[in-house]
Amino acid sequence: MGLILLEALGAGILLVLIVWWTMFSGRKRGEMPEADEDENAPPSDDPPAGGSR
């Protein structure tokens, strides 16, 4: 019984460490700026806005 609790505690600590690592290990200067949409950009798979019913 004690071994199962110890294993569950270890798994919980590992989960917290993974979440902590992914939250705070981003780029040093933040996210890259989004590219402006221009005429030469390839078409997206999204449907056009204001589509028909």
PDB file of N, CA and C in Angstrom:
ATOM      1  N   MET A   1       0.827  -1.199   0.000  1.00  0.00           N
ATOM      2  CA  MET A   1       0.000   0.000   0.000  1.00  0.00           C
ATOM      3  C   MET A   1       0.871   1.262   0.000  1.00  0.00           C
ATOM      4  N   GLY A   2       1.888   1.261   0.859  1.00  0.00           N
ATOM      5  CA  GLY A   2       2.781   2.412   0.945  1.00  0.00           C
ATOM      6  C   GLY A   2       3.562   2.620  -0.348  1.00  0.00           C
ATOM      7  N   LEU A   3       3.908   1.521  -1.018  1.00  0.00           N
ATOM      8  CA  LEU A   3       4.639   1.622  -2.280  1.00  0.00           C
ATOM      9  C   LEU A   3       3.773   2.260  -3.363  1.00  0.00           C
ATOM     10  N   ILE A   4       2.490   1.947  -3.378  1.00  0.00           N
ATOM     11  CA  ILE A   4       1.577   2.538  -4.362  1.00  0.00           C
ATOM     12  C   ILE A   4       1.439   4.039  -4.119  1.00  0.00           C
ATOM     13  N   LEU A   5       1.322   4.446  -2.862  1.00  0.00           N
ATOM     14  CA  LEU A   5       1.241   5.867  -2.541  1.00  0.00           C
ATOM     15  C   LEU A   5       2.529   6.599  -2.902  1.00  0.00           C
ATOM     16  N   LEU A   6       3.668   5.956  -2.660  1.00  0.00           N
ATOM     17  CA  LEU A   6       4.944   6.556  -3.013  1.00  0.00           C
ATOM     18  C   LEU A   6       5.068   6.722  -4.527  1.00  0.00           C
ATOM     19  N   GLU A   7       4.614   5.733  -5.278  1.00  0.00           N
ATOM     20  CA  GLU A   7       4.644   5.814  -6.736  1.00  0.00           C
ATOM     21  C   GLU A   7       3.696   6.900  -7.244  1.00  0.00           C
ATOM     22  N   ALA A   8       2.519   7.021  -6.631  1.00  0.00           N
ATOM     23  CA  ALA A   8       1.573   8.072  -7.023  1.00  0.00           C
ATOM     24  C   ALA A   8       2.144   9.451  -6.714  1.00  0.00           C
ATOM     25  N   LEU A   9       2.812   9.592  -5.588  1.00  0.00           N
ATOM     26  CA  LEU A   9       3.445  10.851  -5.245  1.00  0.00           C
ATOM     27  C   LEU A   9       4.543  11.198  -6.254  1.00  0.00           C
ATOM     28  N   GLY A  10       5.344  10.224  -6.626  1.00  0.00           N
ATOM     29  CA  GLY A  10       6.397  10.443  -7.627  1.00  0.00           C
ATOM     30  C   GLY A  10       5.817  10.851  -8.969  1.00  0.00           C
ATOM     31  N   ALA A  11       4.720  10.213  -9.386  1.00  0.00           N
ATOM     32  CA  ALA A  11       4.082  10.558 -10.659  1.00  0.00           C
ATOM     33  C   ALA A  11       3.499  11.971 -10.601  1.00  0.00           C
ATOM     34  N   GLY A  12       2.930  12.350  -9.472  1.00  0.00           N
ATOM     35  CA  GLY A  12       2.388  13.696  -9.319  1.00  0.00           C
ATOM     36  C   GLY A  12       3.477  14.753  -9.373  1.00  0.00           C
ATOM     37  N   ILE A  13       4.592  14.480  -8.698  1.00  0.00           N
ATOM     38  CA  ILE A  13       5.713  15.423  -8.737  1.00  0.00           C
ATOM     39  C   ILE A  13       6.256  15.534 -10.152  1.00  0.00           C
ATOM     40  N   LEU A  14       6.363  14.413 -10.854  1.00  0.00           N
ATOM     41  CA  LEU A  14       6.841  14.434 -12.238  1.00  0.00           C
ATOM     42  C   LEU A  14       5.893  15.240 -13.125  1.00  0.00           C
ATOM     43  N   LEU A  15       4.599  15.099 -12.926  1.00  0.00           N
ATOM     44  CA  LEU A  15       3.621  15.865 -13.698  1.00  0.00           C
ATOM     45  C   LEU A  15       3.774  17.364 -13.438  1.00  0.00           C
ATOM     46  N   VAL A  16       3.934  17.749 -12.180  1.00  0.00           N
ATOM     47  CA  VAL A  16       4.109  19.162 -11.848  1.00  0.00           C
ATOM     48  C   VAL A  16       5.389  19.704 -12.474  1.00  0.00           C
ATOM     49  N   LEU A  17       6.463  18.940 -12.449  1.00  0.00           N
ATOM     50  CA  LEU A  17       7.725  19.383 -13.052  1.00  0.00           C
ATOM     51  C   LEU A  17       7.605  19.547 -14.559  1.00  0.00           C
ATOM     52  N   ILE A  18       6.911  18.637 -15.225  1.00  0.00           N
ATOM     53  CA  ILE A  18       6.721  18.747 -16.679  1.00  0.00           C
ATOM     54  C   ILE A  18       5.897  19.985 -17.018  1.00  0.00           C
ATOM     55  N   VAL A  19       4.824  20.227 -16.279  1.00  0.00           N
ATOM     56  CA  VAL A  19       3.990  21.409 -16.521  1.00  0.00           C
ATOM     57  C   VAL A  19       4.796  22.677 -16.263  1.00  0.00           C
ATOM     58  N   TRP A  20       5.552  22.703 -15.177  1.00  0.00           N
ATOM     59  CA  TRP A  20       6.379  23.862 -14.854  1.00  0.00           C
ATOM     60  C   TRP A  20       7.394  24.118 -15.967  1.00  0.00           C
ATOM     61  N   TRP A  21       8.032  23.054 -16.452  1.00  0.00           N
ATOM     62  CA  TRP A  21       9.049  23.185 -17.496  1.00  0.00           C
ATOM     63  C   TRP A  21       8.439  23.738 -18.783  1.00  0.00           C
ATOM     64  N   THR A  22       7.269  23.261 -19.167  1.00  0.00           N
ATOM     65  CA  THR A  22       6.664  23.724 -20.413  1.00  0.00           C
ATOM     66  C   THR A  22       6.113  25.142 -20.282  1.00  0.00           C
ATOM     67  N   MET A  23       5.717  25.564 -19.097  1.00  0.00           N
ATOM     68  CA  MET A  23       5.186  26.914 -18.931  1.00  0.00           C
ATOM     69  C   MET A  23       6.282  27.966 -18.981  1.00  0.00           C
ATOM     70  N   PHE A  24       7.431  27.678 -18.408  1.00  0.00           N
ATOM     71  CA  PHE A  24       8.448  28.708 -18.219  1.00  0.00           C
ATOM     72  C   PHE A  24       9.716  28.486 -19.027  1.00  0.00           C
ATOM     73  N   SER A  25       9.683  27.664 -20.055  1.00  0.00           N
ATOM     74  CA  SER A  25      10.890  27.449 -20.857  1.00  0.00           C
ATOM     75  C   SER A  25      10.712  27.970 -22.274  1.00  0.00           C
ATOM     76  N   GLY A  26      10.013  29.084 -22.429  1.00  0.00           N
ATOM     77  CA  GLY A  26       9.757  29.654 -23.748  1.00  0.00           C
ATOM     78  C   GLY A  26      10.962  30.392 -24.293  1.00  0.00           C
ATOM     79  N   ARG A  27      10.739  31.133 -25.342  1.00  0.00           N
ATOM     80  CA  ARG A  27      11.818  31.917 -25.944  1.00  0.00           C
ATOM     81  C   ARG A  27      12.248  33.028 -24.993  1.00  0.00           C
ATOM     82  N   LYS A  28      13.505  33.380 -25.074  1.00  0.00           N
ATOM     83  CA  LYS A  28      14.052  34.398 -24.183  1.00  0.00           C
ATOM     84  C   LYS A  28      13.406  35.767 -24.407  1.00  0.00           C
ATOM     85  N   ARG A  29      13.080  36.105 -25.661  1.00  0.00           N
ATOM     86  CA  ARG A  29      12.530  37.423 -25.972  1.00  0.00           C
ATOM     87  C   ARG A  29      11.044  37.357 -26.309  1.00  0.00           C
ATOM     88  N   GLY A  30      10.353  36.332 -25.862  1.00  0.00           N
ATOM     89  CA  GLY A  30       8.927  36.210 -26.124  1.00  0.00           C
ATOM     90  C   GLY A  30       8.644  35.581 -27.473  1.00  0.00           C
ATOM     91  N   GLU A  31       7.398  35.662 -27.872  1.00  0.00           N
ATOM     92  CA  GLU A  31       6.961  35.077 -29.133  1.00  0.00           C
ATOM     93  C   GLU A  31       7.416  35.914 -30.316  1.00  0.00           C
ATOM     94  N   MET A  32       7.610  35.252 -31.444  1.00  0.00           N
ATOM     95  CA  MET A  32       7.980  35.958 -32.656  1.00  0.00           C
ATOM     96  C   MET A  32       6.764  36.729 -33.163  1.00  0.00           C
ATOM     97  N   PRO A  33       6.969  37.904 -33.767  1.00  0.00           N
ATOM     98  CA  PRO A  33       5.818  38.655 -34.301  1.00  0.00           C
ATOM     99  C   PRO A  33       5.181  37.897 -35.453  1.00  0.00           C
ATOM    100  N   GLU A  34       3.864  38.018 -35.554  1.00  0.00           N
ATOM    101  CA  GLU A  34       3.154  37.326 -36.629  1.00  0.00           C
ATOM    102  C   GLU A  34       3.446  38.005 -37.956  1.00  0.00           C
ATOM    103  N   ALA A  35       3.552  37.192 -38.989  1.00  0.00           N
ATOM    104  CA  ALA A  35       3.811  37.732 -40.324  1.00  0.00           C
ATOM    105  C   ALA A  35       2.559  38.442 -40.831  1.00  0.00           C
ATOM    106  N   ASP A  36       2.757  39.571 -41.501  1.00  0.00           N
ATOM    107  CA  ASP A  36       1.626  40.286 -42.098  1.00  0.00           C
ATOM    108  C   ASP A  36       1.111  39.497 -43.290  1.00  0.00           C
ATOM    109  N   GLU A  37      -0.204  39.508 -43.450  1.00  0.00           N
ATOM    110  CA  GLU A  37      -0.776  38.832 -44.614  1.00  0.00           C
ATOM    111  C   GLU A  37      -0.525  39.682 -45.846  1.00  0.00           C
ATOM    112  N   ASP A  38      -0.033  39.059 -46.900  1.00  0.00           N
ATOM    113  CA  ASP A  38       0.223  39.795 -48.129  1.00  0.00           C
ATOM    114  C   ASP A  38      -0.328  39.019 -49.324  1.00  0.00           C
ATOM    115  N   GLU A  39      -0.245  39.610 -50.474  1.00  0.00           N
ATOM    116  CA  GLU A  39      -0.805  39.012 -51.691  1.00  0.00           C
ATOM    117  C   GLU A  39      -0.085  37.728 -52.088  1.00  0.00           C
ATOM    118  N   ASN A  40       1.199  37.609 -51.762  1.00  0.00           N
ATOM    119  CA  ASN A  40       1.988  36.461 -52.202  1.00  0.00           C
ATOM    120  C   ASN A  40       1.890  35.270 -51.260  1.00  0.00           C
ATOM    121  N   ALA A  41       1.137  35.388 -50.187  1.00  0.00           N
ATOM    122  CA  ALA A  41       1.015  34.302 -49.221  1.00  0.00           C
ATOM    123  C   ALA A  41       0.175  33.175 -49.823  1.00  0.00           C
ATOM    124  N   PRO A  42       0.522  31.927 -49.515  1.00  0.00           N
ATOM    125  CA  PRO A  42      -0.287  30.819 -50.032  1.00  0.00           C
ATOM    126  C   PRO A  42      -1.686  30.848 -49.420  1.00  0.00           C
ATOM    127  N   PRO A  43      -2.674  30.359 -50.142  1.00  0.00           N
ATOM    128  CA  PRO A  43      -4.042  30.386 -49.614  1.00  0.00           C
ATOM    129  C   PRO A  43      -4.170  29.476 -48.388  1.00  0.00           C
ATOM    130  N   SER A  44      -5.016  29.873 -47.463  1.00  0.00           N
ATOM    131  CA  SER A  44      -5.219  29.059 -46.268  1.00  0.00           C
ATOM    132  C   SER A  44      -6.377  28.096 -46.499  1.00  0.00           C
ATOM    133  N   ASP A  45      -6.505  27.147 -45.581  1.00  0.00           N
ATOM    134  CA  ASP A  45      -7.579  26.165 -45.683  1.00  0.00           C
ATOM    135  C   ASP A  45      -8.876  26.671 -45.061  1.00  0.00           C
ATOM    136  N   ASP A  46      -8.847  27.863 -44.447  1.00  0.00           N
ATOM    137  CA  ASP A  46     -10.027  28.418 -43.807  1.00  0.00           C
ATOM    138  C   ASP A  46     -11.021  28.908 -44.851  1.00  0.00           C
ATOM    139  N   PRO A  47     -12.315  28.725 -44.599  1.00  0.00           N
ATOM    140  CA  PRO A  47     -13.313  29.258 -45.539  1.00  0.00           C
ATOM    141  C   PRO A  47     -13.331  30.781 -45.479  1.00  0.00           C
ATOM    142  N   PRO A  48     -13.736  31.435 -46.520  1.00  0.00           N
ATOM    143  CA  PRO A  48     -13.775  32.904 -46.499  1.00  0.00           C
ATOM    144  C   PRO A  48     -14.807  33.409 -45.490  1.00  0.00           C
ATOM    145  N   ALA A  49     -14.540  34.559 -44.946  1.00  0.00           N
ATOM    146  CA  ALA A  49     -15.440  35.140 -43.951  1.00  0.00           C
ATOM    147  C   ALA A  49     -16.737  35.585 -44.626  1.00  0.00           C
ATOM    148  N   GLY A  50     -17.846  35.479 -43.908  1.00  0.00           N
ATOM    149  CA  GLY A  50     -19.139  35.922 -44.454  1.00  0.00           C
ATOM    150  C   GLY A  50     -19.659  34.983 -45.522  1.00  0.00           C
ATOM    151  N   GLY A  51     -19.444  33.700 -45.338  1.00  0.00           N
ATOM    152  CA  GLY A  51     -19.883  32.712 -46.335  1.00  0.00           C
ATOM    153  C   GLY A  51     -21.386  32.628 -46.459  1.00  0.00           C
ATOM    154  N   SER A  52     -21.844  31.957 -47.495  1.00  0.00           N
ATOM    155  CA  SER A  52     -23.288  31.820 -47.731  1.00  0.00           C
ATOM    156  C   SER A  52     -23.881  30.805 -46.773  1.00  0.00           C
ATOM    157  N   ARG A  53     -25.206  30.843 -46.631  1.00  0.00           N
ATOM    158  CA  ARG A  53     -25.910  29.919 -45.731  1.00  0.00           C
ATOM    159  C   ARG A  53     -26.373  28.723 -46.468  1.00  0.00           C
TER     160      ARG A  53
END
